[in-house]
C-alpha atoms as a PDB file:
ATOM      1  CA  MET A   1     -59.377  -6.669  73.820  1.00  0.00           C
ATOM      2  CA  ASN A   2     -61.412  -9.444  74.381  1.00  0.00           C
ATOM      3  CA  ALA A   3     -62.687 -10.842  70.888  1.00  0.00           C
ATOM      4  CA  ASN A   4     -65.235 -11.881  72.988  1.00  0.00           C
ATOM      5  CA  TYR A   5     -67.089  -8.667  73.649  1.00  0.00           C
ATOM      6  CA  LYS A   6     -70.024  -7.953  72.395  1.00  0.00           C
ATOM      7  CA  GLN A   7     -71.374  -4.073  71.768  1.00  0.00           C
ATOM      8  CA  ARG A   8     -74.553  -3.610  73.858  1.00  0.00           C
ATOM      9  CA  GLY A   9     -76.644  -0.598  73.625  1.00  0.00           C
ATOM     10  CA  PHE A  10     -76.652   2.163  70.761  1.00  0.00           C
ATOM     11  CA  THR A  11     -73.537   4.509  69.906  1.00  0.00           C
ATOM     12  CA  LEU A  12     -74.273   8.647  69.959  1.00  0.00           C
ATOM     13  CA  ILE A  13     -74.843   8.965  66.206  1.00  0.00           C
ATOM     14  CA  GLU A  14     -77.732   6.410  66.311  1.00  0.00           C
ATOM     15  CA  ILE A  15     -79.605   8.144  69.145  1.00  0.00           C
ATOM     16  CA  ILE A  16     -78.938  11.211  67.564  1.00  0.00           C
ATOM     17  CA  ILE A  17     -80.409   9.991  63.810  1.00  0.00           C
ATOM     18  CA  VAL A  18     -83.377   8.839  65.899  1.00  0.00           C
ATOM     19  CA  ILE A  19     -83.789  12.021  67.565  1.00  0.00           C
ATOM     20  CA  LEU A  20     -83.692  13.952  64.348  1.00  0.00           C
ATOM     21  CA  ILE A  21     -86.224  11.346  62.764  1.00  0.00           C
ATOM     22  CA  ILE A  22     -88.785  11.857  65.181  1.00  0.00           C
ATOM     23  CA  SER A  23     -88.027  15.830  65.212  1.00  0.00           C
ATOM     24  CA  VAL A  24     -88.708  16.388  61.985  1.00  0.00           C
ATOM     25  CA  ALA A  25     -92.244  13.852  62.035  1.00  0.00           C
ATOM     26  CA  ILE A  26     -93.276  15.980  64.636  1.00  0.00           C
ATOM     27  CA  THR A  27     -92.771  19.027  62.605  1.00  0.00           C
ATOM     28  CA  VAL A  28     -94.502  17.472  59.776  1.00  0.00           C
ATOM     29  CA  ALA A  29     -97.482  16.560  61.791  1.00  0.00           C
ATOM     30  CA  THR A  30     -97.326  20.467  63.684  1.00  0.00           C
ATOM     31  CA  ILE A  31     -97.531  22.179  60.129  1.00  0.00           C
ATOM     32  CA  SER A  32    -100.170  19.741  58.416  1.00  0.00           C
ATOM     33  CA  ILE A  33    -102.470  20.410  61.497  1.00  0.00           C
ATOM     34  CA  GLY A  34    -102.075  24.076  61.515  1.00  0.00           C
ATOM     35  CA  ASN A  35    -103.809  26.771  63.688  1.00  0.00           C
ATOM     36  CA  PRO A  36    -107.308  26.183  63.686  1.00  0.00           C
ATOM     37  CA  GLN A  37    -107.885  29.722  64.445  1.00  0.00           C
ATOM     38  CA  VAL A  38    -106.426  30.941  61.181  1.00  0.00           C
ATOM     39  CA  LYS A  39    -107.997  28.272  59.582  1.00  0.00           C
ATOM     40  CA  ARG A  40    -111.201  29.823  60.306  1.00  0.00           C
ATOM     41  CA  MET A  41    -110.181  33.364  60.103  1.00  0.00           C
ATOM     42  CA  LYS A  42    -109.127  32.326  56.445  1.00  0.00           C
ATOM     43  CA  GLN A  43    -112.563  30.638  56.014  1.00  0.00           C
ATOM     44  CA  ASN A  44    -114.685  33.325  56.575  1.00  0.00           C
ATOM     45  CA  SER A  45    -112.707  36.043  54.987  1.00  0.00           C
ATOM     46  CA  GLU A  46    -113.029  33.793  51.756  1.00  0.00           C
ATOM     47  CA  ARG A  47    -116.652  33.173  52.505  1.00  0.00           C
ATOM     48  CA  ILE A  48    -117.242  36.864  52.773  1.00  0.00           C
ATOM     49  CA  ALA A  49    -115.590  37.892  49.796  1.00  0.00           C
ATOM     50  CA  SER A  50    -117.535  35.083  47.901  1.00  0.00           C
ATOM     51  CA  LEU A  51    -120.647  36.841  49.130  1.00  0.00           C
ATOM     52  CA  ILE A  52    -120.140  39.919  48.257  1.00  0.00           C
ATOM     53  CA  GLN A  53    -118.409  38.572  44.875  1.00  0.00           C
ATOM     54  CA  LEU A  54    -121.778  37.054  44.341  1.00  0.00           C
ATOM     55  CA  ALA A  55    -123.956  40.377  45.641  1.00  0.00           C
ATOM     56  CA  LYS A  56    -122.341  42.501  43.161  1.00  0.00           C
ATOM     57  CA  GLU A  57    -123.141  39.507  40.201  1.00  0.00           C
ATOM     58  CA  GLN A  58    -126.772  39.675  41.714  1.00  0.00           C
ATOM     59  CA  ALA A  59    -126.991  43.336  41.678  1.00  0.00           C
ATOM     60  CA  ILE A  60    -126.761  43.559  38.072  1.00  0.00           C
ATOM     61  CA  PHE A  61    -128.473  40.651  36.508  1.00  0.00           C
ATOM     62  CA  ASN A  62    -131.352  42.048  38.770  1.00  0.00           C
ATOM     63  CA  SER A  63    -130.657  45.529  38.563  1.00  0.00           C
ATOM     64  CA  GLN A  64    -130.883  45.662  42.516  1.00  0.00           C
ATOM     65  CA  ASP A  65    -128.706  47.455  44.869  1.00  0.00           C
ATOM     66  CA  TYR A  66    -127.480  45.776  47.634  1.00  0.00           C
ATOM     67  CA  ALA A  67    -125.420  46.990  50.764  1.00  0.00           C
ATOM     68  CA  LEU A  68    -123.672  45.104  53.205  1.00  0.00           C
ATOM     69  CA  SER A  69    -123.864  46.425  57.049  1.00  0.00           C
ATOM     70  CA  VAL A  70    -120.678  45.151  59.686  1.00  0.00           C
ATOM     71  CA  TRP A  71    -120.663  45.089  63.259  1.00  0.00           C
ATOM     72  CA  GLU A  72    -118.028  43.944  65.997  1.00  0.00           C
ATOM     73  CA  SER A  73    -119.084  40.226  65.578  1.00  0.00           C
ATOM     74  CA  GLY A  74    -121.279  39.950  62.572  1.00  0.00           C
ATOM     75  CA  TYR A  75    -122.596  41.111  59.045  1.00  0.00           C
ATOM     76  CA  ALA A  76    -125.927  41.437  57.204  1.00  0.00           C
ATOM     77  CA  PHE A  77    -126.927  42.047  53.491  1.00  0.00           C
ATOM     78  CA  TYR A  78    -129.894  44.698  52.313  1.00  0.00           C
ATOM     79  CA  THR A  79    -131.564  45.626  49.303  1.00  0.00           C
ATOM     80  CA  LEU A  80    -132.704  48.727  48.403  1.00  0.00           C
ATOM     81  CA  ASP A  81    -136.307  48.976  48.278  1.00  0.00           C
ATOM     82  CA  GLU A  82    -138.984  52.082  47.803  1.00  0.00           C
ATOM     83  CA  ALA A  83    -139.048  52.399  52.119  1.00  0.00           C
ATOM     84  CA  GLY A  84    -135.471  52.277  51.947  1.00  0.00           C
ATOM     85  CA  TRP A  85    -132.620  49.478  52.904  1.00  0.00           C
ATOM     86  CA  SER A  86    -134.227  46.396  54.325  1.00  0.00           C
ATOM     87  CA  ALA A  87    -132.502  43.265  55.136  1.00  0.00           C
ATOM     88  CA  VAL A  88    -132.306  40.088  53.632  1.00  0.00           C
ATOM     89  CA  ASN A  89    -133.962  37.974  55.810  1.00  0.00           C
ATOM     90  CA  ASP A  90    -135.628  35.485  53.489  1.00  0.00           C
ATOM     91  CA  ASP A  91    -132.385  34.162  51.150  1.00  0.00           C
ATOM     92  CA  ARG A  92    -130.529  31.377  52.909  1.00  0.00           C
ATOM     93  CA  ILE A  93    -127.308  32.705  50.909  1.00  0.00           C
ATOM     94  CA  PHE A  94    -127.512  36.351  51.815  1.00  0.00           C
ATOM     95  CA  ARG A  95    -128.777  35.810  55.432  1.00  0.00           C
ATOM     96  CA  ALA A  96    -127.285  37.375  58.402  1.00  0.00           C
ATOM     97  CA  ARG A  97    -124.155  35.854  59.821  1.00  0.00           C
ATOM     98  CA  SER A  98    -121.882  35.857  62.936  1.00  0.00           C
ATOM     99  CA  LEU A  99    -117.948  35.446  63.523  1.00  0.00           C
ATOM    100  CA  PRO A 100    -117.417  32.746  65.534  1.00  0.00           C
ATOM    101  CA  ASP A 101    -116.187  33.003  68.986  1.00  0.00           C
ATOM    102  CA  GLY A 102    -113.102  34.953  69.425  1.00  0.00           C
ATOM    103  CA  LEU A 103    -112.860  36.755  66.353  1.00  0.00           C
ATOM    104  CA  GLU A 104    -113.475  40.231  65.447  1.00  0.00           C
ATOM    105  CA  PHE A 105    -114.388  42.803  62.891  1.00  0.00           C
ATOM    106  CA  ASN A 106    -112.225  45.759  62.093  1.00  0.00           C
ATOM    107  CA  LEU A 107    -113.432  48.173  58.711  1.00  0.00           C
ATOM    108  CA  HIS A 108    -111.483  50.419  56.821  1.00  0.00           C
ATOM    109  CA  LEU A 109    -113.993  53.074  54.501  1.00  0.00           C
ATOM    110  CA  ASP A 110    -110.955  54.899  52.622  1.00  0.00           C
ATOM    111  CA  GLY A 111    -108.300  54.534  54.583  1.00  0.00           C
ATOM    112  CA  ILE A 112    -110.432  55.669  57.740  1.00  0.00           C
ATOM    113  CA  LYS A 113    -111.145  53.200  60.431  1.00  0.00           C
ATOM    114  CA  VAL A 114    -114.733  52.991  61.088  1.00  0.00           C
ATOM    115  CA  VAL A 115    -115.876  52.588  64.987  1.00  0.00           C
ATOM    116  CA  LEU A 116    -117.912  49.262  64.761  1.00  0.00           C
ATOM    117  CA  GLU A 117    -121.287  48.762  67.271  1.00  0.00           C
ATOM    118  CA  ARG A 118    -121.560  45.746  69.370  1.00  0.00           C
ATOM    119  CA  GLU A 119    -124.893  44.591  67.176  1.00  0.00           C
ATOM    120  CA  ASP A 120    -126.446  45.341  63.846  1.00  0.00           C
ATOM    121  CA  LYS A 121    -127.532  48.986  63.662  1.00  0.00           C
ATOM    122  CA  LYS A 122    -129.102  48.354  60.361  1.00  0.00           C
ATOM    123  CA  LYS A 123    -126.893  51.358  58.641  1.00  0.00           C
ATOM    124  CA  PRO A 124    -124.968  49.973  55.822  1.00  0.00           C
ATOM    125  CA  GLN A 125    -121.576  50.898  55.222  1.00  0.00           C
ATOM    126  CA  ILE A 126    -120.485  49.162  52.016  1.00  0.00           C
ATOM    127  CA  PHE A 127    -122.888  49.551  48.891  1.00  0.00           C
ATOM    128  CA  ILE A 128    -123.175  47.447  45.866  1.00  0.00           C
ATOM    129  CA  THR A 129    -124.943  49.154  42.662  1.00  0.00           C
ATOM    130  CA  SER A 130    -127.121  48.022  39.825  1.00  0.00           C
ATOM    131  CA  ASP A 131    -123.879  48.793  37.823  1.00  0.00           C
ATOM    132  CA  GLY A 132    -121.462  47.003  39.668  1.00  0.00           C
ATOM    133  CA  GLU A 133    -119.435  49.056  41.419  1.00  0.00           C
ATOM    134  CA  ILE A 134    -118.510  48.726  45.332  1.00  0.00           C
ATOM    135  CA  SER A 135    -117.880  50.913  48.224  1.00  0.00           C
ATOM    136  CA  PRO A 136    -113.898  50.499  48.495  1.00  0.00           C
ATOM    137  CA  PHE A 137    -113.417  48.967  51.751  1.00  0.00           C
ATOM    138  CA  GLN A 138    -110.910  47.310  53.953  1.00  0.00           C
ATOM    139  CA  LEU A 139    -112.414  44.744  56.284  1.00  0.00           C
ATOM    140  CA  ASP A 140    -109.834  43.032  58.525  1.00  0.00           C
ATOM    141  CA  ILE A 141    -111.119  39.510  60.870  1.00  0.00           C
ATOM    142  CA  THR A 142    -108.623  39.431  63.760  1.00  0.00           C
ATOM    143  CA  ASP A 143    -108.102  37.055  66.934  1.00  0.00           C
ATOM    144  CA  LEU A 144    -107.387  40.659  68.905  1.00  0.00           C
ATOM    145  CA  GLU A 145    -103.788  39.227  69.465  1.00  0.00           C
ATOM    146  CA  GLU A 146    -101.848  37.663  66.753  1.00  0.00           C
ATOM    147  CA  TRP A 147    -103.578  37.464  63.175  1.00  0.00           C
ATOM    148  CA  THR A 148    -105.792  39.556  61.333  1.00  0.00           C
ATOM    149  CA  TYR A 149    -106.933  38.274  57.588  1.00  0.00           C
ATOM    150  CA  GLN A 150    -107.741  41.274  55.318  1.00  0.00           C
ATOM    151  CA  ILE A 151    -110.214  41.667  52.725  1.00  0.00           C
ATOM    152  CA  SER A 152    -109.689  44.450  50.471  1.00  0.00           C
ATOM    153  CA  PHE A 153    -112.084  45.920  47.173  1.00  0.00           C
ATOM    154  CA  ASP A 154    -111.579  48.082  44.828  1.00  0.00           C
ATOM    155  CA  GLU A 155    -114.904  50.096  43.755  1.00  0.00           C
ATOM    156  CA  LEU A 156    -114.519  47.575  40.251  1.00  0.00           C
ATOM    157  CA  GLY A 157    -115.348  44.852  42.718  1.00  0.00           C
ATOM    158  CA  GLU A 158    -111.546  43.379  42.551  1.00  0.00           C
ATOM    159  CA  PHE A 159    -110.408  42.120  45.738  1.00  0.00           C
ATOM    160  CA  GLU A 160    -108.200  40.569  47.489  1.00  0.00           C
ATOM    161  CA  VAL A 161    -108.059  38.344  50.737  1.00  0.00           C
ATOM    162  CA  VAL A 162    -104.682  38.367  52.604  1.00  0.00           C
ATOM    163  CA  LEU A 163    -102.943  36.978  55.832  1.00  0.00           C
ATOM    164  CA  ALA A 164    -101.827  40.165  57.133  1.00  0.00           C
ATOM    165  CA  ASP A 165     -98.744  40.408  59.538  1.00  0.00           C
ATOM    166  CA  GLY A 166     -99.896  40.556  62.931  1.00  0.00           C
END
């Protein structure tokens, strides 16, 4: 060979290493960004569970029964007074809320799926008594395609929020 021969370009090993580094960087970036739909579902699931816990504490502290009405795309809290169940309208914490577009609720009471209305019919399904008991239920937030977050409460108010298999 010629002693003055100069190597031009990259070796196969160098190219493979560069491709591997780029692949790892793209994978890390994708994982850190995550799926925004799943993040919204998780935030809404945790918000609902926290609001129900807060309603339980308020029910005990104020000796006031609360209830939760759930429809396909939203929920509202109610209190019990002499006239029956009344929507909580004057409280920014327990105000009625809607799910973001593309998300929907599924409700199970005692293991039985409840057919939910398209809008609030002002008929609470979940009850929170002044002694701290809660109607056992499972509330799913789903995107109707792939992901579902499950919120489960037992009668003592113990709860779990999990990402279910889609």
